[in-house]
Amino acid sequence: MAKIADFGLAKLLIGNQNKTFTGVRGTRGYLAPEWSKNTAIAAKVDVYSFGLMLVEIISCRKSMELKMAGEGCNISEWAYEYVVSSGLNEVAAGEDVDEAELERMVKIGIWCTQNEPVTLPAKKSVQMMEGSVQVQHSPPPASFSQSLLHTGSS
């Protein structure tokens, strides 16, 4: 039985409590980038962790495996390249899947793993995307955009 837990999920608040002080919680590698930037932690840190897990589950690959394999990219960059190149059938690896649903879930994962909190969707929006709302193409991951800028300027 698959179990998913401890992936940077936010500390629960009690009753009328609307903020709390906390240290880093969750497993490294699944934490939103702002945990390491010494900036304010947004409520959307859970969205980031969810997106990362979603792409890992879909691809059957761990984010850390990509870095160790020397692929030099994070999992959202990897997924973005598949969406852009229409190579989603490689993600499914011969599985019998609904390609439209697969693309939808990968897009949600990419939206949820943007590096800047302002570009992350709200939790409610993620719920709507998982339902019947059409999922728009996400902006490329920040590091993917940076590599395009550096490649274009050479």
C-alpha atoms as a PDB file:
ATOM      1  CA  MET A   1       0.000   0.000   0.000  1.00  0.00           C
ATOM      2  CA  ALA A   2       1.443   3.359  -1.022  1.00  0.00           C
ATOM      3  CA  LYS A   3       1.682   5.955   1.715  1.00  0.00           C
ATOM      4  CA  ILE A   4       2.397   9.627   1.213  1.00  0.00           C
ATOM      5  CA  ALA A   5       3.279  11.789   4.202  1.00  0.00           C
ATOM      6  CA  ASP A   6       5.771  14.345   5.509  1.00  0.00           C
ATOM      7  CA  PHE A   7       6.314  16.418   2.389  1.00  0.00           C
ATOM      8  CA  GLY A   8       6.542  19.964   3.721  1.00  0.00           C
ATOM      9  CA  LEU A   9       2.888  20.145   4.647  1.00  0.00           C
ATOM     10  CA  ALA A  10       2.161  23.217   6.722  1.00  0.00           C
ATOM     11  CA  LYS A  11       1.670  23.172  10.452  1.00  0.00           C
ATOM     12  CA  LEU A  12      -2.004  23.033  11.365  1.00  0.00           C
ATOM     13  CA  LEU A  13      -3.442  26.039  13.157  1.00  0.00           C
ATOM     14  CA  ILE A  14      -5.939  25.894  15.976  1.00  0.00           C
ATOM     15  CA  GLY A  15      -9.404  27.517  15.878  1.00  0.00           C
ATOM     16  CA  ASN A  16      -9.096  31.272  15.359  1.00  0.00           C
ATOM     17  CA  GLN A  17      -5.294  31.208  15.019  1.00  0.00           C
ATOM     18  CA  ASN A  18      -4.211  32.785  11.729  1.00  0.00           C
ATOM     19  CA  LYS A  19      -0.425  32.657  12.028  1.00  0.00           C
ATOM     20  CA  THR A  20       2.301  30.827  13.870  1.00  0.00           C
ATOM     21  CA  PHE A  21       6.051  30.788  14.183  1.00  0.00           C
ATOM     22  CA  THR A  22       7.688  27.631  12.995  1.00  0.00           C
ATOM     23  CA  GLY A  23      10.941  26.176  11.811  1.00  0.00           C
ATOM     24  CA  VAL A  24      11.510  24.208   8.663  1.00  0.00           C
ATOM     25  CA  ARG A  25       9.123  21.271   8.528  1.00  0.00           C
ATOM     26  CA  GLY A  26       9.115  18.437   6.075  1.00  0.00           C
ATOM     27  CA  THR A  27      11.577  16.458   4.033  1.00  0.00           C
ATOM     28  CA  ARG A  28      14.374  18.296   2.257  1.00  0.00           C
ATOM     29  CA  GLY A  29      13.895  18.086  -1.481  1.00  0.00           C
ATOM     30  CA  TYR A  30      10.142  18.543  -1.098  1.00  0.00           C
ATOM     31  CA  LEU A  31      10.254  21.977   0.491  1.00  0.00           C
ATOM     32  CA  ALA A  32       9.300  25.110  -1.414  1.00  0.00           C
ATOM     33  CA  PRO A  33      12.293  27.238  -2.491  1.00  0.00           C
ATOM     34  CA  GLU A  34      11.458  30.071  -0.077  1.00  0.00           C
ATOM     35  CA  TRP A  35      12.447  27.856   2.872  1.00  0.00           C
ATOM     36  CA  SER A  36      16.080  28.229   1.758  1.00  0.00           C
ATOM     37  CA  LYS A  37      15.895  31.890   0.701  1.00  0.00           C
ATOM     38  CA  ASN A  38      15.386  33.467   4.139  1.00  0.00           C
ATOM     39  CA  THR A  39      12.154  35.077   2.925  1.00  0.00           C
ATOM     40  CA  ALA A  40       8.599  35.039   4.214  1.00  0.00           C
ATOM     41  CA  ILE A  41       6.956  31.641   3.950  1.00  0.00           C
ATOM     42  CA  ALA A  42       3.704  31.818   2.002  1.00  0.00           C
ATOM     43  CA  ALA A  43       0.658  29.644   2.562  1.00  0.00           C
ATOM     44  CA  LYS A  44       1.345  28.130  -0.851  1.00  0.00           C
ATOM     45  CA  VAL A  45       4.313  26.039   0.361  1.00  0.00           C
ATOM     46  CA  ASP A  46       1.951  23.073   0.463  1.00  0.00           C
ATOM     47  CA  VAL A  47       1.003  23.688  -3.167  1.00  0.00           C
ATOM     48  CA  TYR A  48       4.670  23.405  -4.150  1.00  0.00           C
ATOM     49  CA  SER A  49       5.122  20.155  -2.213  1.00  0.00           C
ATOM     50  CA  PHE A  50       1.913  18.739  -3.699  1.00  0.00           C
ATOM     51  CA  GLY A  51       3.038  19.588  -7.242  1.00  0.00           C
ATOM     52  CA  LEU A  52       6.394  17.955  -6.725  1.00  0.00           C
ATOM     53  CA  MET A  53       4.791  14.782  -5.400  1.00  0.00           C
ATOM     54  CA  LEU A  54       2.251  14.772  -8.242  1.00  0.00           C
ATOM     55  CA  VAL A  55       4.944  14.904 -10.938  1.00  0.00           C
ATOM     56  CA  GLU A  56       6.997  12.267  -9.116  1.00  0.00           C
ATOM     57  CA  ILE A  57       4.004   9.925  -8.901  1.00  0.00           C
ATOM     58  CA  ILE A  58       3.104  10.425 -12.568  1.00  0.00           C
ATOM     59  CA  SER A  59       6.661   9.959 -13.813  1.00  0.00           C
ATOM     60  CA  CYS A  60       7.687   7.216 -11.361  1.00  0.00           C
ATOM     61  CA  ARG A  61      10.871   9.233 -10.810  1.00  0.00           C
ATOM     62  CA  LYS A  62      12.118  11.092  -7.784  1.00  0.00           C
ATOM     63  CA  SER A  63      13.237  14.666  -8.114  1.00  0.00           C
ATOM     64  CA  MET A  64      16.532  13.794  -6.471  1.00  0.00           C
ATOM     65  CA  GLU A  65      17.167  10.963  -8.975  1.00  0.00           C
ATOM     66  CA  LEU A  66      17.291  13.479 -11.824  1.00  0.00           C
ATOM     67  CA  LYS A  67      20.023  15.449 -10.082  1.00  0.00           C
ATOM     68  CA  MET A  68      22.007  12.331  -9.171  1.00  0.00           C
ATOM     69  CA  ALA A  69      21.705  10.972 -12.715  1.00  0.00           C
ATOM     70  CA  GLY A  70      23.438  14.125 -13.920  1.00  0.00           C
ATOM     71  CA  GLU A  71      20.458  15.314 -15.922  1.00  0.00           C
ATOM     72  CA  GLY A  72      21.036  18.765 -14.421  1.00  0.00           C
ATOM     73  CA  CYS A  73      17.399  19.723 -14.101  1.00  0.00           C
ATOM     74  CA  ASN A  74      14.679  19.592 -11.522  1.00  0.00           C
ATOM     75  CA  ILE A  75      11.555  17.534 -12.004  1.00  0.00           C
ATOM     76  CA  SER A  76       9.361  20.484 -13.035  1.00  0.00           C
ATOM     77  CA  GLU A  77      11.828  21.364 -15.829  1.00  0.00           C
ATOM     78  CA  TRP A  78      11.841  17.729 -16.907  1.00  0.00           C
ATOM     79  CA  ALA A  79       8.026  17.603 -16.971  1.00  0.00           C
ATOM     80  CA  TYR A  80       7.795  20.970 -18.759  1.00  0.00           C
ATOM     81  CA  GLU A  81      10.010  19.708 -21.573  1.00  0.00           C
ATOM     82  CA  TYR A  82       7.682  16.717 -22.048  1.00  0.00           C
ATOM     83  CA  VAL A  83       4.604  18.954 -22.253  1.00  0.00           C
ATOM     84  CA  VAL A  84       6.275  21.367 -24.702  1.00  0.00           C
ATOM     85  CA  SER A  85       7.616  18.570 -26.910  1.00  0.00           C
ATOM     86  CA  SER A  86       4.357  16.580 -26.705  1.00  0.00           C
ATOM     87  CA  GLY A  87       6.389  13.644 -25.407  1.00  0.00           C
ATOM     88  CA  LEU A  88       3.946  12.668 -22.690  1.00  0.00           C
ATOM     89  CA  ASN A  89       3.692   9.122 -24.035  1.00  0.00           C
ATOM     90  CA  GLU A  90       7.275   8.639 -22.774  1.00  0.00           C
ATOM     91  CA  VAL A  91       6.191   9.675 -19.278  1.00  0.00           C
ATOM     92  CA  ALA A  92       3.521   6.982 -19.259  1.00  0.00           C
ATOM     93  CA  ALA A  93       6.119   4.365 -20.303  1.00  0.00           C
ATOM     94  CA  GLY A  94       3.715   2.036 -22.083  1.00  0.00           C
ATOM     95  CA  GLU A  95       0.965   2.316 -19.472  1.00  0.00           C
ATOM     96  CA  ASP A  96      -2.649   2.383 -20.620  1.00  0.00           C
ATOM     97  CA  VAL A  97      -3.554   5.973 -19.705  1.00  0.00           C
ATOM     98  CA  ASP A  98      -5.902   8.696 -20.838  1.00  0.00           C
ATOM     99  CA  GLU A  99      -3.411  11.036 -22.526  1.00  0.00           C
ATOM    100  CA  ALA A 100      -5.593  14.122 -22.005  1.00  0.00           C
ATOM    101  CA  GLU A 101      -5.823  13.370 -18.272  1.00  0.00           C
ATOM    102  CA  LEU A 102      -2.080  12.694 -18.112  1.00  0.00           C
ATOM    103  CA  GLU A 103      -1.333  16.039 -19.765  1.00  0.00           C
ATOM    104  CA  ARG A 104      -3.746  17.765 -17.377  1.00  0.00           C
ATOM    105  CA  MET A 105      -2.042  16.281 -14.301  1.00  0.00           C
ATOM    106  CA  VAL A 106       1.466  17.085 -15.562  1.00  0.00           C
ATOM    107  CA  LYS A 107       0.407  20.693 -16.245  1.00  0.00           C
ATOM    108  CA  ILE A 108      -1.003  20.937 -12.715  1.00  0.00           C
ATOM    109  CA  GLY A 109       2.282  19.596 -11.364  1.00  0.00           C
ATOM    110  CA  ILE A 110       4.243  22.185 -13.323  1.00  0.00           C
ATOM    111  CA  TRP A 111       1.966  25.024 -12.176  1.00  0.00           C
ATOM    112  CA  CYS A 112       2.409  23.867  -8.587  1.00  0.00           C
ATOM    113  CA  THR A 113       6.222  23.753  -8.749  1.00  0.00           C
ATOM    114  CA  GLN A 114       6.924  27.291  -9.885  1.00  0.00           C
ATOM    115  CA  ASN A 115       9.835  28.798  -7.914  1.00  0.00           C
ATOM    116  CA  GLU A 116       8.165  32.119  -7.118  1.00  0.00           C
ATOM    117  CA  PRO A 117       5.260  32.000  -4.633  1.00  0.00           C
ATOM    118  CA  VAL A 118       3.348  34.684  -6.565  1.00  0.00           C
ATOM    119  CA  THR A 119       3.135  32.397  -9.614  1.00  0.00           C
ATOM    120  CA  LEU A 120       1.866  29.383  -7.648  1.00  0.00           C
ATOM    121  CA  PRO A 121      -1.869  28.725  -7.852  1.00  0.00           C
ATOM    122  CA  ALA A 122      -3.960  28.925  -4.698  1.00  0.00           C
ATOM    123  CA  LYS A 123      -5.002  25.623  -3.123  1.00  0.00           C
ATOM    124  CA  LYS A 124      -8.588  26.209  -4.242  1.00  0.00           C
ATOM    125  CA  SER A 125      -7.420  26.760  -7.838  1.00  0.00           C
ATOM    126  CA  VAL A 126      -5.535  23.468  -7.737  1.00  0.00           C
ATOM    127  CA  GLN A 127      -8.722  21.719  -6.633  1.00  0.00           C
ATOM    128  CA  MET A 128     -10.593  23.334  -9.521  1.00  0.00           C
ATOM    129  CA  MET A 129      -7.860  22.326 -12.008  1.00  0.00           C
ATOM    130  CA  GLU A 130      -8.179  18.727 -10.862  1.00  0.00           C
ATOM    131  CA  GLY A 131     -11.890  18.889 -11.680  1.00  0.00           C
ATOM    132  CA  SER A 132     -13.451  20.302 -14.800  1.00  0.00           C
ATOM    133  CA  VAL A 133     -11.627  23.629 -15.206  1.00  0.00           C
ATOM    134  CA  GLN A 134      -9.329  23.732 -18.219  1.00  0.00           C
ATOM    135  CA  VAL A 135      -5.650  23.854 -17.220  1.00  0.00           C
ATOM    136  CA  GLN A 136      -3.710  26.499 -19.115  1.00  0.00           C
ATOM    137  CA  HIS A 137      -0.072  26.030 -20.116  1.00  0.00           C
ATOM    138  CA  SER A 138       2.115  27.086 -17.244  1.00  0.00           C
ATOM    139  CA  PRO A 139       5.010  29.466 -17.530  1.00  0.00           C
ATOM    140  CA  PRO A 140       8.306  27.596 -17.812  1.00  0.00           C
ATOM    141  CA  PRO A 141      10.058  26.835 -14.533  1.00  0.00           C
ATOM    142  CA  ALA A 142      12.334  29.706 -13.463  1.00  0.00           C
ATOM    143  CA  SER A 143      15.571  27.799 -13.964  1.00  0.00           C
ATOM    144  CA  PHE A 144      14.351  26.637 -17.397  1.00  0.00           C
ATOM    145  CA  SER A 145      13.677  30.277 -18.341  1.00  0.00           C
ATOM    146  CA  GLN A 146      17.120  31.291 -17.100  1.00  0.00           C
ATOM    147  CA  SER A 147      18.807  28.622 -19.228  1.00  0.00           C
ATOM    148  CA  LEU A 148      16.908  29.867 -22.296  1.00  0.00           C
ATOM    149  CA  LEU A 149      18.087  33.418 -21.585  1.00  0.00           C
ATOM    150  CA  HIS A 150      21.703  32.300 -21.231  1.00  0.00           C
ATOM    151  CA  THR A 151      21.515  30.133 -24.354  1.00  0.00           C
ATOM    152  CA  GLY A 152      19.944  32.963 -26.357  1.00  0.00           C
ATOM    153  CA  SER A 153      22.561  35.501 -25.287  1.00  0.00           C
ATOM    154  CA  SER A 154      25.559  33.378 -26.381  1.00  0.00           C
END
